[in-house]
Structures are given as C-alpha cells and as structure tokens.
C-alpha cells in the first residue's frame, strides 16, 4: 500500500496556490480598473492575468504526473518534486509580475520538475507491464 498523504498535501498546496493567484488577478482587476470579461488593459494586469493562466495550464499536466509518479514510483519523491514545482511557480508569478522577461528561470525549473515526474510516471507504468 502506498502512502499518499504527502502527494495529497502537495495537491492541496497547488489548489491554494491557484486560489491565491486568482485572488491576485481579482485585486489587479480592481487596481487597474479592468472589468470582466476583459483580459487586456494595463500591462501590469496582463502580466498578472497571464501568470495565473500559465499556472492553471501547467497544473493540468503537472497534477496527473504527480499522482502517477506517486502511485508507480514514490510518493515521497513525488511530494518533494511537487514542493519544488510550487516554489518555482511562486517565483515565476513574482518574476512575471515585475518583468515578463524574467520568468524564464522559474519556468524552466517548473518544466524540469514536470519532465522528471512525467518521465518517471511513464517509466513506472510501463515497468508494471514488463
């Protein structure tokens, strides 16, 4: 039996992250007077909005990879990598808000973590068939 407490905690962390970033978008809407459903206007709002959307887009592929890695490789290592992914997205969001050109390093870190999880998950699943 696998211990999924740690990956579950990371999943809750991703939920909290996305909720907080959504709150930042709402705050930016008010600050820059961008009425819904508009997604353009002040560049500072657009950076906040895009950083949140990018986090959502990447969470969609990160979370299944996290859970497959946890189930077929290691729950603890999935959680460690997941914590790094969350930290990378906090860094990414802060960097993107300041200057879109500065988002590369945290995005690369998050992408590396995703790659490790996805490849590890694929290896773990295939190994079960061998």
Protein backbone atom coordinates (compact mmCIF):
# COMPACT_ATOMS: atom_id res chain seq x y z
CA UNK A 1 0.00 0.00 0.00
CA UNK A 2 1.32 3.40 -0.96
CA UNK A 3 1.34 6.34 1.39
CA UNK A 4 -0.36 9.17 -0.48
CA UNK A 5 -0.51 11.69 2.36
CA UNK A 6 2.40 13.75 1.03
CA UNK A 7 1.24 13.96 -2.60
CA UNK A 8 -2.22 14.84 -1.25
CA UNK A 9 -0.67 17.68 0.74
CA UNK A 10 1.10 18.91 -2.40
CA UNK A 11 -2.19 18.76 -4.30
CA UNK A 12 -3.79 20.94 -1.63
CA UNK A 13 -0.81 23.27 -1.96
CA UNK A 14 -1.44 23.57 -5.71
CA UNK A 15 -5.11 24.31 -5.02
CA UNK A 16 -4.10 27.01 -2.53
CA UNK A 17 -1.55 28.44 -4.99
CA UNK A 18 -4.10 28.68 -7.82
CA UNK A 19 -6.64 30.23 -5.45
CA UNK A 20 -4.12 32.83 -4.26
CA UNK A 21 -3.06 33.66 -7.80
CA UNK A 22 -6.72 34.03 -8.77
CA UNK A 23 -7.11 36.45 -5.87
CA UNK A 24 -4.15 38.42 -7.19
CA UNK A 25 -5.89 38.66 -10.57
CA UNK A 26 -9.04 39.96 -8.88
CA UNK A 27 -7.01 42.52 -6.97
CA UNK A 28 -5.26 43.60 -10.17
CA UNK A 29 -8.65 43.94 -11.91
CA UNK A 30 -9.74 46.36 -9.21
CA UNK A 31 -6.41 48.21 -9.09
CA UNK A 32 -6.22 48.74 -12.87
CA UNK A 33 -9.99 49.06 -13.43
CA UNK A 34 -10.24 46.08 -15.79
CA UNK A 35 -13.88 44.99 -15.88
CA UNK A 36 -14.69 41.33 -16.53
CA UNK A 37 -14.66 39.71 -19.03
CA UNK A 38 -11.82 41.88 -20.39
CA UNK A 39 -8.36 40.34 -20.20
CA UNK A 40 -6.39 43.24 -21.64
CA UNK A 41 -5.60 46.72 -20.48
CA UNK A 42 -2.79 47.81 -18.25
CA UNK A 43 0.38 45.72 -18.88
CA UNK A 44 0.74 45.04 -15.14
CA UNK A 45 -2.73 43.49 -15.11
CA UNK A 46 -1.97 41.46 -18.23
CA UNK A 47 1.21 40.04 -16.66
CA UNK A 48 -0.73 39.06 -13.52
CA UNK A 49 -3.51 37.52 -15.58
CA UNK A 50 -1.13 35.57 -17.85
CA UNK A 51 0.96 34.30 -14.94
CA UNK A 52 -2.20 32.93 -13.32
CA UNK A 53 -3.39 31.37 -16.58
CA UNK A 54 0.02 29.79 -17.16
CA UNK A 55 -0.08 28.26 -13.68
CA UNK A 56 -3.53 26.80 -14.37
CA UNK A 57 -2.44 25.46 -17.77
CA UNK A 58 0.61 23.79 -16.26
CA UNK A 59 -1.23 22.43 -13.21
CA UNK A 60 -3.46 20.45 -15.59
CA UNK A 61 -0.47 18.38 -16.75
CA UNK A 62 1.50 18.56 -13.51
CA UNK A 63 -1.14 17.02 -11.21
CA UNK A 64 -1.71 13.76 -13.14
CA UNK A 65 2.05 13.35 -13.47
CA UNK A 66 2.46 13.92 -9.74
CA UNK A 67 -0.12 11.25 -8.88
CA UNK A 68 1.10 8.70 -11.40
CA UNK A 69 4.65 9.18 -10.15
CA UNK A 70 3.40 8.78 -6.57
CA UNK A 71 1.49 5.60 -7.41
CA UNK A 72 4.13 3.91 -9.56
CA UNK A 73 7.46 5.30 -8.35
CA UNK A 74 7.48 7.06 -4.96
CA UNK A 75 5.00 9.14 -3.00
CA UNK A 76 7.72 10.88 -1.01
CA UNK A 77 9.75 11.83 -4.10
CA UNK A 78 6.58 12.96 -5.86
CA UNK A 79 5.93 15.27 -2.92
CA UNK A 80 9.50 16.60 -2.85
CA UNK A 81 9.35 17.35 -6.57
CA UNK A 82 5.86 18.79 -6.14
CA UNK A 83 7.08 21.17 -3.44
CA UNK A 84 9.81 22.36 -5.82
CA UNK A 85 7.16 22.88 -8.56
CA UNK A 86 5.03 25.00 -6.20
CA UNK A 87 8.05 27.07 -5.16
CA UNK A 88 9.01 27.52 -8.81
CA UNK A 89 5.52 28.81 -9.62
CA UNK A 90 5.56 31.24 -6.71
CA UNK A 91 8.90 32.52 -8.04
CA UNK A 92 7.51 32.52 -11.61
CA UNK A 93 4.46 34.57 -10.61
CA UNK A 94 6.57 37.15 -8.76
CA UNK A 95 9.09 37.39 -11.61
CA UNK A 96 6.40 37.66 -14.29
CA UNK A 97 4.62 40.46 -12.43
CA UNK A 98 7.82 42.51 -12.25
CA UNK A 99 9.08 41.87 -15.77
CA UNK A 100 7.83 39.22 -18.21
CA UNK A 101 11.39 38.71 -19.48
CA UNK A 102 12.46 37.48 -16.01
CA UNK A 103 10.09 34.49 -15.92
CA UNK A 104 12.40 32.11 -17.80
CA UNK A 105 14.42 30.60 -14.94
CA UNK A 106 11.49 29.75 -12.67
CA UNK A 107 9.51 28.42 -15.65
CA UNK A 108 12.47 26.23 -16.64
CA UNK A 109 12.67 24.85 -13.10
CA UNK A 110 8.94 24.04 -13.08
CA UNK A 111 9.26 22.44 -16.54
CA UNK A 112 12.22 20.34 -15.36
CA UNK A 113 10.22 19.09 -12.38
CA UNK A 114 7.27 18.29 -14.63
CA UNK A 115 9.58 16.41 -17.01
CA UNK A 116 11.03 14.31 -14.20
CA UNK A 117 7.55 13.49 -12.90
CA UNK A 118 6.12 12.69 -16.35
CA UNK A 119 9.04 10.53 -17.46
CA UNK A 120 9.22 8.82 -14.10
CA UNK A 121 5.49 8.16 -14.17
CA UNK A 122 5.72 6.73 -17.69
CA UNK A 123 8.62 4.52 -16.65
CA UNK A 124 6.73 3.34 -13.57
CA UNK A 125 3.58 2.50 -15.51
CA UNK A 126 5.46 0.68 -18.30
CA UNK A 127 7.50 -1.22 -15.72
CA UNK A 128 4.25 -2.66 -14.34
CA UNK A 129 3.56 -4.25 -17.73
CA UNK A 130 7.00 -5.85 -18.04
